[in-house]
Protein backbone atom coordinates (compact mmCIF):
# COMPACT_ATOMS: atom_id res chain seq x y z
CA MET A 1 76.99 109.95 94.91
CA ARG A 2 75.44 107.30 92.68
CA PHE A 3 76.41 105.29 89.63
CA ASP A 4 74.48 104.13 86.58
CA ASP A 5 72.92 100.82 87.66
CA ASP A 6 73.26 99.31 84.19
CA ALA A 7 76.86 100.29 83.48
CA ASP A 8 79.44 97.53 83.08
CA LEU A 9 82.36 97.98 85.47
CA ASP A 10 85.92 97.31 84.35
CA THR A 11 87.41 95.30 87.20
CA SER A 12 90.73 94.99 85.36
CA GLU A 13 91.51 98.48 86.67
CA VAL A 14 91.49 97.24 90.28
CA GLN A 15 93.66 94.44 91.67
CA ASP A 16 92.31 92.89 94.85
CA VAL A 17 95.15 91.41 96.92
CA ARG A 18 93.48 91.66 100.31
CA GLY A 19 94.39 88.75 102.52
CA SER A 20 97.52 87.94 100.51
CA ARG A 21 100.95 87.55 102.07
CA ILE A 22 104.04 89.21 100.70
CA PRO A 23 106.64 86.55 99.80
CA GLY A 24 109.10 86.17 102.66
CA GLY A 25 106.72 87.70 105.18
CA LYS A 26 109.18 90.45 106.14
CA ALA A 27 107.32 93.47 104.85
CA THR A 28 107.84 96.27 107.32
CA VAL A 29 107.84 99.99 106.89
CA GLY A 30 110.79 100.94 109.02
CA GLY A 31 109.07 99.14 111.92
CA GLY A 32 105.66 99.81 113.44
CA ILE A 33 106.65 103.06 115.14
CA ALA A 34 107.72 104.56 111.81
CA GLY A 35 104.27 103.93 110.43
CA VAL A 36 102.68 105.62 113.43
CA ILE A 37 104.99 108.62 113.10
CA ALA A 38 104.15 108.84 109.41
CA LEU A 39 100.47 108.86 110.26
CA ILE A 40 100.82 111.52 112.94
CA LEU A 41 102.96 113.78 110.78
CA GLY A 42 100.38 113.68 108.06
CA LEU A 43 102.35 111.73 105.45
CA LEU A 44 99.11 110.67 103.85
CA PHE A 45 97.69 110.90 100.36
CA GLY A 46 101.16 110.86 98.89
CA VAL A 47 103.52 108.95 96.70
CA GLY A 48 105.34 105.71 97.32
CA PRO A 49 106.86 104.67 100.65
CA ASP A 50 110.40 105.06 99.31
CA GLN A 51 109.74 108.76 98.88
CA LEU A 52 108.39 108.89 102.43
CA GLY A 53 111.58 107.29 103.72
CA LEU A 54 109.58 104.24 104.76
CA SER A 55 110.66 101.51 102.36
CA SER A 56 112.12 98.12 103.08
CA GLY A 57 114.38 96.10 100.84
CA ASP A 58 113.20 92.78 102.28
CA ALA A 59 109.96 92.45 100.36
CA ASP A 60 109.20 91.28 96.89
CA PRO A 61 108.12 94.38 94.94
CA VAL A 62 105.20 92.61 93.27
CA ALA A 63 101.88 92.22 95.06
CA THR A 64 100.57 88.66 95.06
CA SER A 65 97.18 87.70 93.69
CA SER A 66 94.20 87.19 95.94
CA PRO A 67 92.85 83.63 95.78
CA ALA A 68 89.36 84.98 96.33
CA GLY A 69 89.38 87.35 93.38
CA GLN A 70 86.48 88.97 95.18
CA VAL A 71 86.18 92.18 93.18
CA ARG A 72 86.81 90.64 89.77
CA GLU A 73 84.17 87.95 90.24
CA SER A 74 81.37 89.90 91.90
CA CYS A 75 81.67 93.56 90.96
CA LEU A 76 79.99 93.66 87.57
CA LYS A 77 77.50 96.52 87.32
CA GLY A 78 77.01 100.05 88.55
CA GLN A 79 74.27 98.79 90.85
CA ASP A 80 76.94 96.72 92.63
CA ALA A 81 78.99 99.88 93.18
CA ASN A 82 75.99 101.51 94.81
CA SER A 83 75.88 98.78 97.43
CA ARG A 84 79.45 98.12 98.63
CA GLU A 85 82.51 100.19 99.45
CA ASP A 86 85.05 98.05 97.59
CA TYR A 87 82.85 97.87 94.52
CA ARG A 88 82.36 101.63 94.70
CA THR A 89 86.11 101.99 94.49
CA VAL A 90 86.06 100.13 91.16
CA ALA A 91 83.44 102.52 89.79
CA VAL A 92 85.35 105.59 90.97
CA VAL A 93 88.57 104.33 89.42
CA ASN A 94 86.70 103.67 86.16
CA SER A 95 85.18 107.15 86.15
CA VAL A 96 88.43 108.93 87.03
CA GLN A 97 90.38 107.11 84.34
CA ASP A 98 87.64 107.59 81.74
CA PHE A 99 87.91 111.31 82.37
CA TRP A 100 91.70 111.53 82.19
CA ARG A 101 91.80 109.30 79.11
CA GLN A 102 89.43 111.67 77.34
CA GLU A 103 91.13 114.80 78.67
CA PHE A 104 94.55 113.63 77.49
CA ALA A 105 93.09 112.75 74.07
CA ARG A 106 91.58 116.23 73.86
CA ARG A 107 95.08 117.55 74.36
CA ASP A 108 96.51 115.20 71.69
CA ALA A 109 98.28 113.11 74.31
CA ASP A 110 98.01 109.49 75.41
CA TYR A 111 96.88 108.57 78.89
CA SER A 112 98.44 105.42 80.34
CA ALA A 113 95.99 103.66 82.65
CA ALA A 114 97.06 102.81 86.20
CA PRO A 115 95.47 100.11 88.35
CA THR A 116 94.47 100.52 91.97
CA VAL A 117 95.64 97.75 94.30
CA LEU A 118 93.36 96.98 97.25
CA PHE A 119 95.42 95.49 100.07
CA SER A 120 95.10 94.74 103.76
CA ASP A 121 97.74 95.44 106.40
CA ARG A 122 100.82 95.42 104.16
CA VAL A 123 101.88 95.23 100.55
CA GLY A 124 105.00 95.01 98.39
CA THR A 125 105.43 97.61 95.66
CA ALA A 126 108.09 98.78 93.24
CA CYS A 127 108.63 101.66 95.70
CA GLY A 128 109.30 99.30 98.59
CA ALA A 129 107.16 97.65 101.24
CA ALA A 130 104.34 99.53 102.93
CA THR A 131 101.87 98.99 105.73
CA SER A 132 98.42 100.45 106.04
CA ALA A 133 99.80 103.12 108.40
CA VAL A 134 101.26 104.98 105.43
CA GLY A 135 97.77 105.68 104.12
CA PRO A 136 96.74 105.64 100.44
CA PHE A 137 99.64 106.31 98.09
CA TYR A 138 100.76 106.30 94.46
CA CYS A 139 103.93 104.47 93.46
CA PRO A 140 105.55 105.97 90.34
CA GLY A 141 107.85 102.94 90.09
CA ASP A 142 105.04 100.61 89.04
CA ARG A 143 102.42 103.28 88.26
CA LYS A 144 99.87 101.91 90.69
CA VAL A 145 97.64 103.38 93.39
CA TYR A 146 97.65 101.46 96.69
CA LEU A 147 94.71 101.56 99.08
CA ASP A 148 93.71 99.77 102.27
CA LEU A 149 89.98 100.39 102.59
CA GLY A 150 90.37 100.52 106.37
CA PHE A 151 91.78 104.01 105.85
CA PHE A 152 88.26 105.32 105.31
CA ASP A 153 87.35 104.28 108.86
CA ASP A 154 90.47 106.10 110.08
CA LEU A 155 89.43 109.15 108.11
CA ARG A 156 86.32 109.38 110.27
CA THR A 157 87.55 108.10 113.63
CA LYS A 158 91.12 109.43 113.73
CA PHE A 159 90.88 112.54 111.60
CA GLY A 160 87.31 113.69 112.25
CA SER A 161 86.05 113.62 108.67
CA SER A 162 82.32 113.31 108.08
CA GLY A 163 83.05 110.43 105.70
CA GLY A 164 80.65 109.38 102.97
CA PRO A 165 81.04 107.93 99.48
CA PHE A 166 82.39 111.09 97.91
CA ALA A 167 85.01 111.53 100.63
CA GLN A 168 86.31 108.15 99.48
CA ALA A 169 86.10 109.20 95.85
CA TYR A 170 88.14 112.32 96.65
CA VAL A 171 90.91 110.16 98.12
CA VAL A 172 91.05 107.96 95.02
CA ALA A 173 90.90 110.93 92.64
CA HIS A 174 93.73 112.64 94.54
CA GLU A 175 95.98 109.62 94.04
CA TYR A 176 95.19 109.56 90.33
CA GLY A 177 96.15 113.23 90.34
CA HIS A 178 99.65 112.01 91.20
CA HIS A 179 99.49 109.59 88.28
CA VAL A 180 98.61 112.46 85.97
CA GLN A 181 101.54 114.44 87.40
CA ASN A 182 103.83 111.48 86.80
CA GLN A 183 102.84 111.32 83.15
CA MET A 184 103.24 115.08 82.75
CA GLY A 185 106.67 115.13 84.39
CA THR A 186 105.72 117.28 87.39
CA LEU A 187 105.61 114.65 90.13
CA GLY A 188 109.40 114.62 90.52
CA ARG A 189 109.39 118.27 91.52
CA SER A 190 108.39 117.19 95.02
CA GLN A 191 111.73 115.42 95.50
CA ASP A 192 113.88 118.45 96.20
CA GLY A 193 114.44 117.53 99.84
CA ARG A 194 112.47 120.46 101.19
CA ARG A 195 109.45 120.62 103.47
CA GLY A 196 107.30 123.45 104.67
CA GLU A 197 104.32 125.46 103.54
CA ASN A 198 106.10 126.86 100.46
CA SER A 199 107.88 123.67 99.41
CA ASN A 200 107.43 121.84 96.15
CA ALA A 201 106.22 118.82 98.14
CA VAL A 202 103.21 120.82 99.30
CA LYS A 203 102.63 122.30 95.84
CA VAL A 204 102.57 118.83 94.28
CA GLU A 205 99.99 117.64 96.82
CA LEU A 206 97.80 120.70 96.34
CA GLN A 207 97.91 120.23 92.58
CA ALA A 208 96.71 116.64 93.04
CA ASP A 209 93.82 118.02 95.10
CA CYS A 210 93.01 120.41 92.27
CA TYR A 211 93.10 117.59 89.72
CA ALA A 212 90.67 115.64 91.93
CA GLY A 213 88.37 118.64 91.76
CA VAL A 214 88.69 118.81 87.96
CA TRP A 215 87.53 115.19 87.71
CA ALA A 216 84.63 115.88 90.09
CA HIS A 217 83.54 118.83 87.92
CA HIS A 218 83.23 116.52 84.91
CA ALA A 219 82.19 113.30 86.69
CA THR A 220 78.49 113.45 85.81
CA THR A 221 79.15 114.36 82.16
CA THR A 222 82.05 112.04 81.29
CA PRO A 223 80.64 109.22 79.13
CA ASP A 224 81.37 105.66 80.12
CA GLU A 225 82.90 103.62 77.31
CA SER A 226 80.49 100.71 77.76
CA THR A 227 77.24 102.68 77.62
CA GLY A 228 78.04 106.13 76.27
CA ARG A 229 76.33 107.50 79.39
CA PRO A 230 78.07 108.98 82.43
CA LEU A 231 78.98 106.33 84.98
CA VAL A 232 78.42 108.83 87.80
CA THR A 233 74.75 109.81 87.66
CA GLU A 234 74.47 111.93 90.79
CA LEU A 235 76.83 114.20 92.69
CA THR A 236 75.08 116.41 95.22
CA ARG A 237 76.16 119.46 97.17
CA ALA A 238 76.24 117.27 100.26
CA ASP A 239 78.67 114.95 98.47
CA VAL A 240 80.96 117.86 97.62
CA ARG A 241 80.82 119.04 101.24
CA ASP A 242 81.95 115.57 102.32
CA GLY A 243 84.86 115.81 99.90
CA LEU A 244 85.85 119.23 101.18
CA ASP A 245 85.55 117.99 104.75
CA ALA A 246 87.89 115.08 103.97
CA ALA A 247 90.37 117.46 102.35
CA ALA A 248 90.37 119.65 105.45
CA ALA A 249 90.63 116.69 107.84
CA VAL A 250 93.98 115.66 106.34
CA GLY A 251 95.44 119.15 106.23
CA ASP A 252 98.85 119.29 107.89
CA ASP A 253 97.71 121.90 110.41
CA ARG A 254 94.67 119.88 111.48
CA ILE A 255 96.73 116.70 111.94
CA GLN A 256 99.52 118.49 113.81
CA GLU A 257 97.07 120.23 116.12
CA ARG A 258 95.30 116.95 116.84
CA TYR A 259 98.41 114.85 117.48
CA GLN A 260 101.11 117.35 118.47
CA GLY A 261 99.06 120.09 120.08
CA ARG A 262 100.81 122.71 117.97
CA VAL A 263 101.13 123.69 114.31
CA THR A 264 104.59 123.77 112.69
CA PRO A 265 104.29 125.01 109.08
CA GLU A 266 108.01 124.46 108.47
CA SER A 267 107.42 120.70 108.51
CA TRP A 268 104.35 120.60 106.27
CA THR A 269 104.31 118.10 103.42
CA HIS A 270 100.74 118.37 102.10
CA GLY A 271 99.38 121.82 102.92
CA SER A 272 96.90 123.27 105.36
CA ALA A 273 93.23 122.38 105.59
CA ALA A 274 92.30 125.69 103.98
CA GLN A 275 94.79 125.22 101.14
CA ARG A 276 93.57 121.71 100.38
CA GLN A 277 89.98 122.87 100.29
CA GLN A 278 90.90 125.89 98.18
CA TRP A 279 92.67 123.87 95.49
CA PHE A 280 90.04 121.14 95.33
CA SER A 281 87.44 123.90 94.97
CA THR A 282 89.45 125.57 92.21
CA GLY A 283 89.45 122.37 90.20
CA PHE A 284 85.81 121.65 90.91
CA ARG A 285 84.65 125.18 90.09
CA THR A 286 86.59 125.56 86.84
CA GLY A 287 86.95 122.01 85.54
CA ASP A 288 90.18 123.19 83.93
CA MET A 289 93.47 121.49 84.75
CA ALA A 290 95.30 124.57 83.47
CA ARG A 291 93.97 126.38 86.55
CA CYS A 292 95.80 123.91 88.78
CA ASP A 293 99.23 125.52 88.51
CA THR A 294 100.16 125.55 92.19
CA PHE A 295 103.75 126.39 91.25
CA ALA A 296 102.89 129.82 89.83
């Protein structure tokens, strides 16, 4: 996966608060063990910690600003995104939001942009406080995606993914799938209190996988606003395999087998490895969000 070297990156779409402290210093997610349990049970790639039952009322819901301003100051061009993981995140966010902005406009609707917040260890959100153990998530309360880049190391070492730049892009695009659902009024369908392979919670997650695939289908043809050329210049079959491998690695059955030694479909929240791959592939093959109706 590569980006146009000469493209201007919009760093306003990413807030870098790594190294910041949450006011009060009491940000916990139900205690450390709750975060570990969340990780083991596969409560990853989801929505805000309040909806995971892992919020804390002790933290300020607004993330503080990073004194370094690392991303904003140094991540300027596509060539920067080709060299560093955090800068690559900026480019992926730009590409994903360019696509959804244009897709919504094609449907005579307005897309409301959502920033990604890069944090380390813990962060305060409008959905409550979260630690890195929760994994990447989208908070509908403040319409932001939250991401600790250390998760990508966990994706390889703890979940057995092959990794790679497009595996990371898949994660980001999945979270923006939740943002799209929020704007379309479908995200709330996951909050019916049910779990299991046929629950709405799983269907919402699989639809976000499909939406990630829809973006990937169009990534190399979506024009960047600054140049009129696609920001993503190359997406290979190997890249797509990495994305599919990441999708499978965080399937509920894979995680349960790895950490529990048994598979319990009645407790699934995100879907099996095969389901996650299937729905990403549906989006990628068709490029049509109308084909992402996991509720049918």
